[in-house]
Amino acid sequence: MTGMSFDEIASEALKLNPAARARLADTLLASLETLYDEQNGKEWADEAARRDRAWDLQGGPTRSAPEVFRDARRRLD
C-alpha cells in the first residue's frame, strides 16, 4: 500500500475517466469474489469436519449410494 488513506484513494479513483473507473470497480469486485470463494470453501470444510465428528460420536446405520439413488428414483416416479 502506498500509505494513502481510503479517502485519498477514493478521491483519486473518482478522477479517472468512466471506462477506467469501471475497470477498477470490476477489479475490486473480482477481488471480493475470490475472498468469498475462499471463505465459502473454509466454511464447507468446517461443516464437513463438524459432520464427521458428529458421525464419529453418534454412528448409525449407513446405506450405499446405489440404494439411496434407487429409493430417490422410486419417489420421483
N, C-alpha and C. Protein backbone atom coordinates (compact mmCIF):
# COMPACT_ATOMS: atom_id res chain seq x y z
N MET A 1 0.85 -1.18 0.00
CA MET A 1 0.00 0.00 0.00
C MET A 1 0.89 1.23 0.00
N THR A 2 0.41 2.26 -0.60
CA THR A 2 1.22 3.47 -0.77
C THR A 2 1.18 4.40 0.42
N GLY A 3 0.41 4.07 1.44
CA GLY A 3 0.28 4.95 2.58
C GLY A 3 -0.83 5.96 2.41
N MET A 4 -1.58 5.86 1.33
CA MET A 4 -2.71 6.76 1.12
C MET A 4 -3.89 6.29 1.96
N SER A 5 -4.69 7.23 2.41
CA SER A 5 -5.89 6.88 3.16
C SER A 5 -6.98 6.43 2.18
N PHE A 6 -8.00 5.83 2.73
CA PHE A 6 -9.14 5.42 1.90
C PHE A 6 -9.71 6.61 1.15
N ASP A 7 -9.90 7.72 1.85
CA ASP A 7 -10.48 8.91 1.22
C ASP A 7 -9.61 9.43 0.08
N GLU A 8 -8.29 9.38 0.27
CA GLU A 8 -7.38 9.82 -0.79
C GLU A 8 -7.47 8.90 -2.00
N ILE A 9 -7.51 7.61 -1.75
CA ILE A 9 -7.62 6.66 -2.85
C ILE A 9 -8.95 6.85 -3.58
N ALA A 10 -10.03 6.99 -2.83
CA ALA A 10 -11.34 7.19 -3.45
C ALA A 10 -11.36 8.47 -4.27
N SER A 11 -10.78 9.52 -3.74
CA SER A 11 -10.74 10.80 -4.45
C SER A 11 -9.99 10.66 -5.77
N GLU A 12 -8.85 9.98 -5.73
CA GLU A 12 -8.06 9.77 -6.95
C GLU A 12 -8.82 8.88 -7.93
N ALA A 13 -9.47 7.85 -7.43
CA ALA A 13 -10.22 6.94 -8.31
C ALA A 13 -11.34 7.69 -9.02
N LEU A 14 -11.98 8.60 -8.33
CA LEU A 14 -13.08 9.36 -8.93
C LEU A 14 -12.62 10.32 -10.02
N LYS A 15 -11.33 10.58 -10.07
CA LYS A 15 -10.78 11.44 -11.13
C LYS A 15 -10.57 10.66 -12.43
N LEU A 16 -10.63 9.32 -12.36
CA LEU A 16 -10.45 8.50 -13.55
C LEU A 16 -11.62 8.69 -14.50
N ASN A 17 -11.37 8.44 -15.78
CA ASN A 17 -12.48 8.50 -16.73
C ASN A 17 -13.42 7.32 -16.47
N PRO A 18 -14.65 7.38 -16.96
CA PRO A 18 -15.63 6.34 -16.66
C PRO A 18 -15.18 4.92 -17.00
N ALA A 19 -14.50 4.75 -18.12
CA ALA A 19 -14.04 3.40 -18.51
C ALA A 19 -13.01 2.88 -17.51
N ALA A 20 -12.10 3.73 -17.08
CA ALA A 20 -11.08 3.32 -16.11
C ALA A 20 -11.73 3.03 -14.75
N ARG A 21 -12.71 3.84 -14.36
CA ARG A 21 -13.41 3.58 -13.09
C ARG A 21 -14.14 2.25 -13.15
N ALA A 22 -14.74 1.96 -14.30
CA ALA A 22 -15.45 0.68 -14.46
C ALA A 22 -14.47 -0.48 -14.36
N ARG A 23 -13.30 -0.36 -14.98
CA ARG A 23 -12.28 -1.41 -14.88
C ARG A 23 -11.82 -1.58 -13.44
N LEU A 24 -11.63 -0.46 -12.75
CA LEU A 24 -11.21 -0.52 -11.34
C LEU A 24 -12.30 -1.19 -10.50
N ALA A 25 -13.54 -0.80 -10.72
CA ALA A 25 -14.65 -1.41 -9.98
C ALA A 25 -14.70 -2.91 -10.25
N ASP A 26 -14.51 -3.31 -11.50
CA ASP A 26 -14.52 -4.73 -11.84
C ASP A 26 -13.40 -5.47 -11.13
N THR A 27 -12.23 -4.87 -11.09
CA THR A 27 -11.09 -5.48 -10.41
C THR A 27 -11.35 -5.63 -8.91
N LEU A 28 -11.90 -4.59 -8.31
CA LEU A 28 -12.20 -4.64 -6.88
C LEU A 28 -13.27 -5.69 -6.57
N LEU A 29 -14.32 -5.74 -7.39
CA LEU A 29 -15.36 -6.75 -7.17
C LEU A 29 -14.82 -8.16 -7.34
N ALA A 30 -13.98 -8.35 -8.35
CA ALA A 30 -13.40 -9.68 -8.56
C ALA A 30 -12.55 -10.10 -7.37
N SER A 31 -11.86 -9.15 -6.76
CA SER A 31 -11.04 -9.49 -5.59
C SER A 31 -11.92 -9.91 -4.42
N LEU A 32 -13.11 -9.34 -4.30
CA LEU A 32 -14.02 -9.74 -3.24
C LEU A 32 -14.61 -11.11 -3.52
N GLU A 33 -14.89 -11.42 -4.78
CA GLU A 33 -15.41 -12.73 -5.13
C GLU A 33 -14.41 -13.82 -4.76
N THR A 34 -13.14 -13.56 -4.98
CA THR A 34 -12.11 -14.52 -4.61
C THR A 34 -12.11 -14.75 -3.12
N LEU A 35 -12.23 -13.67 -2.35
CA LEU A 35 -12.29 -13.81 -0.89
C LEU A 35 -13.53 -14.58 -0.49
N TYR A 36 -14.65 -14.31 -1.16
CA TYR A 36 -15.90 -15.01 -0.85
C TYR A 36 -15.73 -16.50 -1.12
N ASP A 37 -15.11 -16.84 -2.28
CA ASP A 37 -14.90 -18.25 -2.62
C ASP A 37 -14.01 -18.93 -1.57
N GLU A 38 -12.96 -18.23 -1.14
CA GLU A 38 -12.07 -18.80 -0.13
C GLU A 38 -12.81 -19.02 1.18
N GLN A 39 -13.60 -18.02 1.60
CA GLN A 39 -14.35 -18.13 2.84
C GLN A 39 -15.39 -19.23 2.73
N ASN A 40 -16.06 -19.29 1.58
CA ASN A 40 -17.07 -20.32 1.36
C ASN A 40 -16.44 -21.71 1.45
N GLY A 41 -15.27 -21.88 0.84
CA GLY A 41 -14.57 -23.17 0.91
C GLY A 41 -14.21 -23.53 2.34
N LYS A 42 -13.77 -22.53 3.11
CA LYS A 42 -13.42 -22.79 4.50
C LYS A 42 -14.66 -23.19 5.29
N GLU A 43 -15.78 -22.51 5.05
CA GLU A 43 -16.99 -22.83 5.78
C GLU A 43 -17.48 -24.24 5.45
N TRP A 44 -17.37 -24.65 4.17
CA TRP A 44 -17.76 -26.01 3.82
C TRP A 44 -16.83 -27.03 4.45
N ALA A 45 -15.55 -26.74 4.50
CA ALA A 45 -14.60 -27.65 5.15
C ALA A 45 -14.91 -27.77 6.63
N ASP A 46 -15.23 -26.64 7.26
CA ASP A 46 -15.61 -26.67 8.69
C ASP A 46 -16.87 -27.49 8.90
N GLU A 47 -17.85 -27.32 8.00
CA GLU A 47 -19.10 -28.08 8.11
C GLU A 47 -18.85 -29.57 7.92
N ALA A 48 -18.02 -29.92 6.97
CA ALA A 48 -17.69 -31.34 6.75
C ALA A 48 -17.01 -31.93 7.98
N ALA A 49 -16.11 -31.18 8.58
CA ALA A 49 -15.42 -31.66 9.79
C ALA A 49 -16.43 -31.82 10.94
N ARG A 50 -17.36 -30.86 11.06
CA ARG A 50 -18.38 -30.95 12.11
C ARG A 50 -19.24 -32.20 11.91
N ARG A 51 -19.66 -32.44 10.68
CA ARG A 51 -20.49 -33.62 10.40
C ARG A 51 -19.71 -34.91 10.66
N ASP A 52 -18.42 -34.91 10.32
CA ASP A 52 -17.60 -36.10 10.54
C ASP A 52 -17.47 -36.39 12.03
N ARG A 53 -17.24 -35.33 12.83
CA ARG A 53 -17.16 -35.51 14.29
C ARG A 53 -18.48 -36.03 14.84
N ALA A 54 -19.59 -35.46 14.36
CA ALA A 54 -20.90 -35.90 14.83
C ALA A 54 -21.12 -37.37 14.47
N TRP A 55 -20.71 -37.75 13.30
CA TRP A 55 -20.87 -39.14 12.86
C TRP A 55 -20.03 -40.07 13.75
N ASP A 56 -18.80 -39.65 14.03
CA ASP A 56 -17.93 -40.46 14.89
C ASP A 56 -18.54 -40.64 16.28
N LEU A 57 -19.20 -39.61 16.78
CA LEU A 57 -19.80 -39.69 18.12
C LEU A 57 -21.11 -40.48 18.13
N GLN A 58 -21.93 -40.31 17.10
CA GLN A 58 -23.25 -40.90 17.10
C GLN A 58 -23.34 -42.21 16.32
N GLY A 59 -22.55 -42.33 15.28
CA GLY A 59 -22.64 -43.52 14.44
C GLY A 59 -24.01 -43.63 13.81
N GLY A 60 -24.43 -44.82 13.53
CA GLY A 60 -25.75 -45.02 12.97
C GLY A 60 -25.69 -45.89 11.73
N PRO A 61 -26.85 -46.25 11.23
CA PRO A 61 -26.89 -47.11 10.05
C PRO A 61 -26.43 -46.36 8.80
N THR A 62 -25.88 -47.09 7.88
CA THR A 62 -25.45 -46.50 6.62
C THR A 62 -26.19 -47.16 5.47
N ARG A 63 -26.24 -46.47 4.36
CA ARG A 63 -26.83 -47.01 3.14
C ARG A 63 -25.88 -46.74 2.00
N SER A 64 -25.83 -47.65 1.06
CA SER A 64 -24.95 -47.46 -0.09
C SER A 64 -25.55 -46.40 -1.02
N ALA A 65 -24.69 -45.79 -1.81
CA ALA A 65 -25.16 -44.78 -2.76
C ALA A 65 -26.18 -45.38 -3.74
N PRO A 66 -25.93 -46.58 -4.32
CA PRO A 66 -26.94 -47.14 -5.23
C PRO A 66 -28.30 -47.31 -4.57
N GLU A 67 -28.31 -47.69 -3.30
CA GLU A 67 -29.57 -47.85 -2.58
C GLU A 67 -30.27 -46.50 -2.40
N VAL A 68 -29.53 -45.49 -2.06
CA VAL A 68 -30.11 -44.15 -1.88
C VAL A 68 -30.69 -43.65 -3.20
N PHE A 69 -29.92 -43.79 -4.30
CA PHE A 69 -30.40 -43.34 -5.60
C PHE A 69 -31.62 -44.13 -6.06
N ARG A 70 -31.63 -45.43 -5.80
CA ARG A 70 -32.77 -46.26 -6.18
C ARG A 70 -34.03 -45.76 -5.47
N ASP A 71 -33.92 -45.51 -4.17
CA ASP A 71 -35.06 -45.02 -3.41
C ASP A 71 -35.50 -43.63 -3.89
N ALA A 72 -34.56 -42.79 -4.22
CA ALA A 72 -34.89 -41.46 -4.70
C ALA A 72 -35.64 -41.55 -6.04
N ARG A 73 -35.17 -42.41 -6.94
CA ARG A 73 -35.84 -42.59 -8.23
C ARG A 73 -37.26 -43.10 -8.04
N ARG A 74 -37.45 -44.01 -7.12
CA ARG A 74 -38.79 -44.54 -6.84
C ARG A 74 -39.73 -43.42 -6.38
N ARG A 75 -39.21 -42.53 -5.55
CA ARG A 75 -40.04 -41.44 -5.05
C ARG A 75 -40.40 -40.45 -6.15
N LEU A 76 -39.51 -40.30 -7.12
CA LEU A 76 -39.76 -39.35 -8.21
C LEU A 76 -40.71 -39.92 -9.26
N ASP A 77 -40.79 -41.24 -9.35
CA ASP A 77 -41.66 -41.86 -10.36
C ASP A 77 -43.10 -41.84 -9.97
